[in-house]
Amino acid sequence: MRTLLSQLLAGALAWGVANTAWDLPCRAQDPTLRFGGQISPEVDAIYEHGLRWLAANQAADGSWQASYQGNGVTGICLMAFLASGEDPNFGRYASNVQRAIRSLIQAQDATTGYLPNSMYHHGFAMLALSEAYGVVDESRLWPGAKPVRSIAQTLDLAIRCAVTAQKKNRWGGWRYSPDAYDSDTSVTGAVLMGLLAARNAGMDVPDETVNAALEYIRRSTGKDGGVAYSGGFGGMGGSMNLTAIGALVGAVSKSKETDQYKACLQRLTEDLEHQEAGAYAEYYRYYMAQALFQGDYKSWQKWNAAQITTLKELQKDDGSFNGGAYNTGMSLLALALNYRFLPIYER
């Protein structure tokens, strides 16, 4: 039985008395807004099995070792725990949540705000911390030790790092390094989602930073909904991964009226059978789930039903996907819209 709703409010309100940034924007969506649906036993079984594997394979420092090792992977795994509805302060996985948050805070460059090992990692780590902000009781984060910094302070530094990096960039987006002069829509999407989540949580995110990134993605989107990887000019045969990113940032930024957003969503809904192979499979499912849920609920229902079957078949006996933390975290997050607890999943 998910315990978040029964205990979250009391803990969050106690935390919020001393933290004024806790307010309406960072509340998770009321689970009664599930359109009358119930969580299927298959989803619960897959998710619980995966969480047990993540819990057992978390390193002592709170991170997860993976082929894509870095703060982004830690953030992805952290979000998998937060998204399930388990109480992050008193539930079975509270210690895993707390260790992951400490790991992210301790890994941050205190001067630049950078959350390495790339701006990909920076974006996903910023997103995860934004989702934790306001629901995690920070008085429990540093038992017997002096706090390094609060989640709000960590987010503020991370936002400033993203703003500074964008100002160095001639395109208005981001690339792998915070000092890069070029951009790509994949990294830009990751950082932009982190910024949008931080803004949703009540943090101060400059409008000009968000608008410049959105404009870069719009310029990169063709009339057919294809999104170019780099260069900043229409389509150019971009992958369905990038189209899903384009649709998601358009929805979350409340830009659904634009022609680019409509083209991206149409391209996705007309090809629900599309599959990505290899290293991009989990990445695609992660973005596709959110893009469809935000844009076309009926299409998401159909797509989600197929993914439940697929992920049930792909999950290994030990609960992992492909034996890795990145693959497991992303696969669970592709199912997390069934729970709808993360604030970023609000429609």
Protein backbone atom coordinates (compact mmCIF):
# COMPACT_ATOMS: atom_id res chain seq x y z
CA MET A 1 0.00 0.00 0.00
CA ARG A 2 1.43 3.37 -0.95
CA THR A 3 1.91 5.46 2.17
CA LEU A 4 2.84 8.87 0.79
CA LEU A 5 -0.51 10.62 1.03
CA SER A 6 -1.18 9.58 4.61
CA GLN A 7 2.09 10.99 5.98
CA LEU A 8 3.42 13.45 3.42
CA LEU A 9 1.21 16.40 4.30
CA ALA A 10 2.17 16.53 7.98
CA GLY A 11 5.89 16.21 7.26
CA ALA A 12 5.81 18.68 4.40
CA LEU A 13 3.87 21.27 6.39
CA ALA A 14 6.32 21.01 9.28
CA TRP A 15 9.17 21.47 6.86
CA GLY A 16 7.40 24.36 5.16
CA VAL A 17 7.04 26.46 8.32
CA ALA A 18 10.75 27.21 8.16
CA ASN A 19 11.05 27.25 4.36
CA THR A 20 8.88 29.85 2.69
CA ALA A 21 9.50 28.52 -0.82
CA TRP A 22 7.29 25.53 0.06
CA ASP A 23 3.96 26.58 -1.42
CA LEU A 24 1.28 25.46 -3.77
CA PRO A 25 3.50 25.10 -6.87
CA CYS A 26 5.42 22.11 -5.51
CA ARG A 27 2.54 19.91 -4.36
CA ALA A 28 2.18 16.58 -6.07
CA GLN A 29 -0.95 16.02 -8.11
CA ASP A 30 -3.95 14.74 -6.21
CA PRO A 31 -4.09 11.00 -7.01
CA THR A 32 -7.86 11.19 -7.31
CA LEU A 33 -7.14 12.82 -10.68
CA ARG A 34 -6.38 9.45 -12.20
CA PHE A 35 -9.26 9.68 -14.61
CA GLY A 36 -11.01 6.88 -12.74
CA GLY A 37 -8.23 4.38 -13.43
CA GLN A 38 -6.61 1.97 -11.00
CA ILE A 39 -2.96 0.97 -10.87
CA SER A 40 -2.68 -2.42 -12.52
CA PRO A 41 -1.06 -5.27 -10.57
CA GLU A 42 1.44 -5.62 -13.43
CA VAL A 43 2.67 -2.04 -12.99
CA ASP A 44 2.96 -2.42 -9.22
CA ALA A 45 4.87 -5.69 -9.59
CA ILE A 46 7.30 -4.32 -12.15
CA TYR A 47 7.86 -1.13 -10.19
CA GLU A 48 8.32 -2.75 -6.81
CA HIS A 49 10.75 -5.33 -8.21
CA GLY A 50 12.75 -2.56 -9.84
CA LEU A 51 12.87 -0.42 -6.69
CA ARG A 52 14.17 -3.36 -4.67
CA TRP A 53 17.00 -3.77 -7.17
CA LEU A 54 17.83 -0.05 -7.07
CA ALA A 55 17.82 -0.07 -3.26
CA ALA A 56 20.13 -3.08 -3.13
CA ASN A 57 22.54 -1.59 -5.67
CA GLN A 58 22.90 1.93 -4.30
CA ALA A 59 26.49 2.75 -3.37
CA ALA A 60 27.44 3.71 0.17
CA ASP A 61 27.82 7.36 -0.88
CA GLY A 62 24.24 7.45 -2.17
CA SER A 63 25.06 7.30 -5.88
CA TRP A 64 24.54 4.49 -8.37
CA GLN A 65 27.40 3.04 -10.37
CA ALA A 66 26.51 2.76 -14.04
CA SER A 67 28.00 2.90 -17.50
CA TYR A 68 26.53 6.41 -17.68
CA GLN A 69 27.77 7.21 -14.19
CA GLY A 70 27.21 10.72 -12.85
CA ASN A 71 24.79 12.89 -10.95
CA GLY A 72 22.14 12.52 -13.65
CA VAL A 73 21.95 8.77 -13.04
CA THR A 74 21.64 9.41 -9.31
CA GLY A 75 18.87 11.89 -10.09
CA ILE A 76 17.04 9.43 -12.33
CA CYS A 77 17.13 6.71 -9.65
CA LEU A 78 16.07 9.21 -6.99
CA MET A 79 13.05 10.20 -9.08
CA ALA A 80 12.11 6.55 -9.50
CA PHE A 81 11.73 6.30 -5.72
CA LEU A 82 9.91 9.62 -5.40
CA ALA A 83 7.52 8.78 -8.24
CA SER A 84 6.15 5.58 -6.71
CA GLY A 85 4.29 7.22 -3.85
CA GLU A 86 6.36 5.76 -1.03
CA ASP A 87 6.80 8.25 1.80
CA PRO A 88 10.25 9.84 1.24
CA ASN A 89 10.65 10.64 4.95
CA PHE A 90 9.34 7.56 6.78
CA GLY A 91 8.72 4.91 4.11
CA ARG A 92 10.68 1.78 3.28
CA TYR A 93 12.99 3.65 0.92
CA ALA A 94 13.42 6.86 2.94
CA SER A 95 17.10 6.13 3.59
CA ASN A 96 17.72 5.56 -0.13
CA VAL A 97 16.06 8.88 -0.94
CA GLN A 98 18.03 10.73 1.73
CA ARG A 99 21.37 9.21 0.70
CA ALA A 100 20.74 10.07 -2.95
CA ILE A 101 19.93 13.69 -2.12
CA ARG A 102 23.04 13.99 0.06
CA SER A 103 25.10 12.52 -2.78
CA LEU A 104 23.83 15.14 -5.24
CA ILE A 105 24.38 18.03 -2.84
CA GLN A 106 27.89 16.89 -1.92
CA ALA A 107 28.86 16.35 -5.56
CA GLN A 108 27.95 19.90 -6.61
CA ASP A 109 30.71 22.42 -7.30
CA ALA A 110 30.04 24.97 -4.56
CA THR A 111 31.48 27.79 -6.68
CA THR A 112 29.95 27.19 -10.11
CA GLY A 113 26.87 25.17 -9.11
CA TYR A 114 27.77 22.47 -11.65
CA LEU A 115 26.44 18.95 -11.08
CA PRO A 116 28.82 16.83 -13.20
CA ASN A 117 29.69 14.81 -15.30
CA SER A 118 28.00 16.74 -18.12
CA MET A 119 25.14 19.17 -18.65
CA TYR A 120 22.98 16.08 -19.26
CA HIS A 121 23.70 15.04 -15.70
CA HIS A 122 23.25 18.61 -14.50
CA GLY A 123 19.77 18.77 -16.02
CA PHE A 124 18.54 15.44 -14.64
CA ALA A 125 20.03 16.13 -11.21
CA MET A 126 18.35 19.56 -11.14
CA LEU A 127 15.03 17.94 -12.12
CA ALA A 128 15.32 15.34 -9.35
CA LEU A 129 16.18 17.90 -6.68
CA SER A 130 13.24 20.04 -7.80
CA GLU A 131 10.91 17.08 -7.36
CA ALA A 132 12.37 16.37 -3.91
CA TYR A 133 12.13 20.00 -2.82
CA GLY A 134 9.14 20.54 -0.56
CA VAL A 135 8.34 16.86 0.03
CA VAL A 136 11.55 15.79 1.79
CA ASP A 137 12.04 16.73 5.43
CA GLU A 138 15.51 18.25 5.35
CA SER A 139 15.93 17.98 9.12
CA ARG A 140 16.42 14.25 8.49
CA LEU A 141 18.95 14.60 5.67
CA TRP A 142 22.14 15.08 7.69
CA PRO A 143 21.90 12.91 10.85
CA GLY A 144 24.72 13.79 13.21
CA ALA A 145 26.43 16.01 10.66
CA LYS A 146 26.42 19.65 9.67
CA PRO A 147 24.37 20.20 6.49
CA VAL A 148 26.46 20.98 3.42
CA ARG A 149 23.67 23.14 1.99
CA SER A 150 19.89 22.98 1.65
CA ILE A 151 18.06 21.67 -1.41
CA ALA A 152 16.97 25.24 -2.18
CA GLN A 153 20.56 26.49 -2.02
CA THR A 154 21.69 23.62 -4.22
CA LEU A 155 18.98 24.37 -6.76
CA ASP A 156 19.76 28.09 -6.74
CA LEU A 157 23.42 27.34 -7.54
CA ALA A 158 22.40 24.84 -10.24
CA ILE A 159 20.06 27.36 -11.87
CA ARG A 160 22.81 29.98 -11.90
CA CYS A 161 25.17 27.46 -13.51
CA ALA A 162 22.64 26.80 -16.29
CA VAL A 163 22.04 30.53 -16.82
CA THR A 164 25.78 31.25 -17.00
CA ALA A 165 26.38 28.35 -19.41
CA GLN A 166 23.57 29.50 -21.70
CA LYS A 167 25.00 33.02 -21.90
CA LYS A 168 28.22 31.56 -23.33
CA ASN A 169 26.23 29.75 -25.99
CA ARG A 170 25.44 31.41 -29.30
CA TRP A 171 22.35 29.25 -29.90
CA GLY A 172 20.55 29.74 -26.61
CA GLY A 173 20.75 26.12 -25.54
CA TRP A 174 23.28 23.82 -23.90
CA ARG A 175 25.80 21.17 -24.90
CA TYR A 176 27.82 18.66 -22.85
CA SER A 177 30.13 21.16 -21.17
CA PRO A 178 28.98 24.25 -19.23
CA ASP A 179 31.59 26.15 -21.25
CA ALA A 180 30.40 24.93 -24.68
CA TYR A 181 29.64 27.41 -27.45
CA ASP A 182 27.36 25.06 -29.40
CA SER A 183 24.07 23.37 -28.50
CA ASP A 184 22.02 20.27 -29.16
CA THR A 185 18.34 19.71 -28.54
CA SER A 186 18.85 16.59 -26.42
CA VAL A 187 21.03 18.25 -23.78
CA THR A 188 18.94 21.41 -24.05
CA GLY A 189 15.78 19.43 -23.33
CA ALA A 190 17.35 17.86 -20.22
CA VAL A 191 18.50 21.19 -18.80
CA LEU A 192 15.27 22.97 -19.74
CA MET A 193 13.14 20.34 -17.97
CA GLY A 194 15.29 20.81 -14.89
CA LEU A 195 14.72 24.56 -15.01
CA LEU A 196 10.98 24.22 -15.60
CA ALA A 197 10.70 21.83 -12.65
CA ALA A 198 12.68 24.24 -10.46
CA ARG A 199 10.38 27.07 -11.47
CA ASN A 200 7.35 24.88 -10.75
CA ALA A 201 8.81 24.24 -7.29
CA GLY A 202 8.93 27.97 -6.59
CA MET A 203 12.57 28.69 -7.41
CA ASP A 204 13.60 31.87 -9.21
CA VAL A 205 14.33 30.94 -12.83
CA PRO A 206 14.86 33.82 -15.28
CA ASP A 207 12.18 33.99 -17.97
CA GLU A 208 14.77 35.00 -20.55
CA THR A 209 16.71 31.78 -19.93
CA VAL A 210 13.63 29.59 -20.42
CA ASN A 211 12.41 31.59 -23.42
CA ALA A 212 15.77 31.46 -25.19
CA ALA A 213 15.93 27.68 -24.79
CA LEU A 214 12.35 27.25 -26.00
CA GLU A 215 13.11 29.41 -29.01
CA TYR A 216 16.14 27.26 -29.83
CA ILE A 217 13.98 24.13 -29.81
CA ARG A 218 11.27 25.86 -31.86
CA ARG A 219 13.83 26.91 -34.48
CA SER A 220 15.06 23.32 -34.55
CA THR A 221 11.59 21.91 -35.23
CA GLY A 222 10.37 21.33 -38.78
CA LYS A 223 6.83 21.52 -40.10
CA ASP A 224 6.58 17.71 -39.92
CA GLY A 225 7.45 17.66 -36.21
CA GLY A 226 10.99 16.49 -36.76
CA VAL A 227 13.49 18.09 -34.39
CA ALA A 228 17.08 18.60 -35.49
CA TYR A 229 19.79 17.38 -33.15
CA SER A 230 21.94 20.48 -33.56
CA GLY A 231 22.34 23.52 -35.77
CA GLY A 232 19.11 25.21 -34.74
CA PHE A 233 17.26 24.93 -38.04
CA GLY A 234 14.06 22.93 -38.73
CA GLY A 235 13.72 19.12 -38.57
CA MET A 236 16.62 17.79 -40.62
CA GLY A 237 15.62 14.18 -40.08
CA GLY A 238 15.68 14.29 -36.29
CA SER A 239 14.83 11.18 -34.28
CA MET A 240 11.56 10.41 -32.54
CA ASN A 241 13.44 10.86 -29.25
CA LEU A 242 13.94 14.52 -30.07
CA THR A 243 10.35 14.95 -31.25
CA ALA A 244 9.19 13.62 -27.85
CA ILE A 245 11.48 16.12 -26.10
CA GLY A 246 10.10 18.93 -28.26
CA ALA A 247 6.53 17.99 -27.39
CA LEU A 248 7.26 17.62 -23.68
CA VAL A 249 8.97 20.98 -23.18
CA GLY A 250 6.22 22.62 -25.23
CA ALA A 251 3.54 21.16 -22.97
CA VAL A 252 5.27 21.83 -19.65
CA SER A 253 6.14 25.40 -20.68
CA LYS A 254 2.48 25.96 -21.64
CA SER A 255 3.33 26.49 -25.30
CA LYS A 256 0.74 24.11 -26.76
CA GLU A 257 -0.60 26.80 -29.07
CA THR A 258 2.55 26.90 -31.20
CA ASP A 259 2.71 25.22 -34.61
CA GLN A 260 5.91 23.45 -33.57
CA TYR A 261 4.28 21.81 -30.57
CA LYS A 262 1.27 20.69 -32.58
CA ALA A 263 3.53 19.21 -35.25
CA CYS A 264 5.58 17.29 -32.69
CA LEU A 265 2.53 15.87 -30.96
CA GLN A 266 0.94 14.84 -34.26
CA ARG A 267 4.10 13.04 -35.30
CA LEU A 268 4.14 11.11 -32.03
CA THR A 269 0.46 10.17 -32.00
CA GLU A 270 0.56 9.00 -35.62
CA ASP A 271 3.37 6.55 -34.87
CA LEU A 272 2.59 4.99 -31.51
CA GLU A 273 4.11 1.71 -32.66
CA HIS A 274 7.55 3.26 -33.06
CA GLN A 275 10.37 1.58 -31.13
CA GLU A 276 13.93 2.66 -30.44
CA ALA A 277 16.71 0.12 -30.16
CA GLY A 278 19.85 -0.19 -28.10
CA ALA A 279 20.99 2.60 -25.81
CA TYR A 280 18.13 4.87 -26.88
CA ALA A 281 15.24 2.57 -25.96
CA GLU A 282 14.89 3.66 -22.33
CA TYR A 283 15.55 7.28 -23.20
CA TYR A 284 12.75 7.19 -25.76
CA ARG A 285 10.24 5.53 -23.41
CA TYR A 286 11.02 8.09 -20.70
CA TYR A 287 10.29 11.10 -22.90
CA MET A 288 7.49 9.50 -24.94
CA ALA A 289 5.51 8.62 -21.81
CA GLN A 290 5.53 12.19 -20.58
CA ALA A 291 4.97 13.79 -23.97
CA LEU A 292 1.88 11.70 -24.67
CA PHE A 293 0.50 12.04 -21.16
CA GLN A 294 0.79 15.82 -21.33
CA GLY A 295 -0.50 16.09 -24.89
CA ASP A 296 -2.99 13.31 -25.68
CA TYR A 297 -4.26 11.24 -22.78
CA LYS A 298 -6.05 8.64 -24.90
CA SER A 299 -2.90 8.05 -26.94
CA TRP A 300 -0.92 7.72 -23.73
CA GLN A 301 -3.37 5.09 -22.42
CA LYS A 302 -2.92 2.99 -25.56
CA TRP A 303 0.85 3.43 -25.62
CA ASN A 304 1.17 2.79 -21.89
CA ALA A 305 -0.70 -0.51 -22.10
CA ALA A 306 1.77 -1.72 -24.72
CA GLN A 307 4.75 -0.58 -22.65
CA ILE A 308 3.57 -2.46 -19.59
CA THR A 309 3.67 -5.67 -21.61
CA THR A 310 7.06 -4.81 -23.10
CA LEU A 311 8.68 -3.86 -19.81
CA LYS A 312 7.30 -6.95 -18.07
CA GLU A 313 9.09 -9.05 -20.68
CA LEU A 314 12.31 -7.00 -20.51
CA GLN A 315 12.68 -6.96 -16.74
CA LYS A 316 15.28 -9.42 -15.47
CA ASP A 317 14.65 -11.87 -12.66
CA ASP A 318 16.66 -9.68 -10.28
CA GLY A 319 14.35 -6.71 -10.99
CA SER A 320 16.77 -4.73 -13.12
CA PHE A 321 16.55 -3.72 -16.74
CA ASN A 322 19.66 -4.68 -18.66
CA GLY A 323 21.45 -5.03 -15.31
CA GLY A 324 22.09 -1.30 -14.94
CA ALA A 325 20.98 1.61 -12.77
CA TYR A 326 20.39 3.99 -15.69
CA ASN A 327 18.33 1.44 -17.63
CA THR A 328 16.35 0.45 -14.54
CA GLY A 329 15.65 4.01 -13.38
CA MET A 330 14.55 5.19 -16.82
CA SER A 331 12.38 2.12 -17.39
CA LEU A 332 10.58 2.65 -14.08
CA LEU A 333 10.06 6.33 -14.85
CA ALA A 334 8.44 5.34 -18.15
CA LEU A 335 5.76 3.67 -15.99
CA ALA A 336 5.62 6.36 -13.31
CA LEU A 337 2.79 8.28 -14.99
CA ASN A 338 0.56 5.47 -13.73
CA TYR A 339 1.18 6.79 -10.20
CA ARG A 340 1.26 10.50 -10.94
CA PHE A 341 2.90 11.65 -7.71
CA LEU A 342 5.71 13.84 -9.06
CA PRO A 343 4.78 17.53 -9.46
CA ILE A 344 6.30 17.59 -12.95
CA TYR A 345 3.67 15.02 -14.01
CA GLU A 346 0.79 17.41 -13.40
CA ARG A 347 -1.32 18.03 -16.48
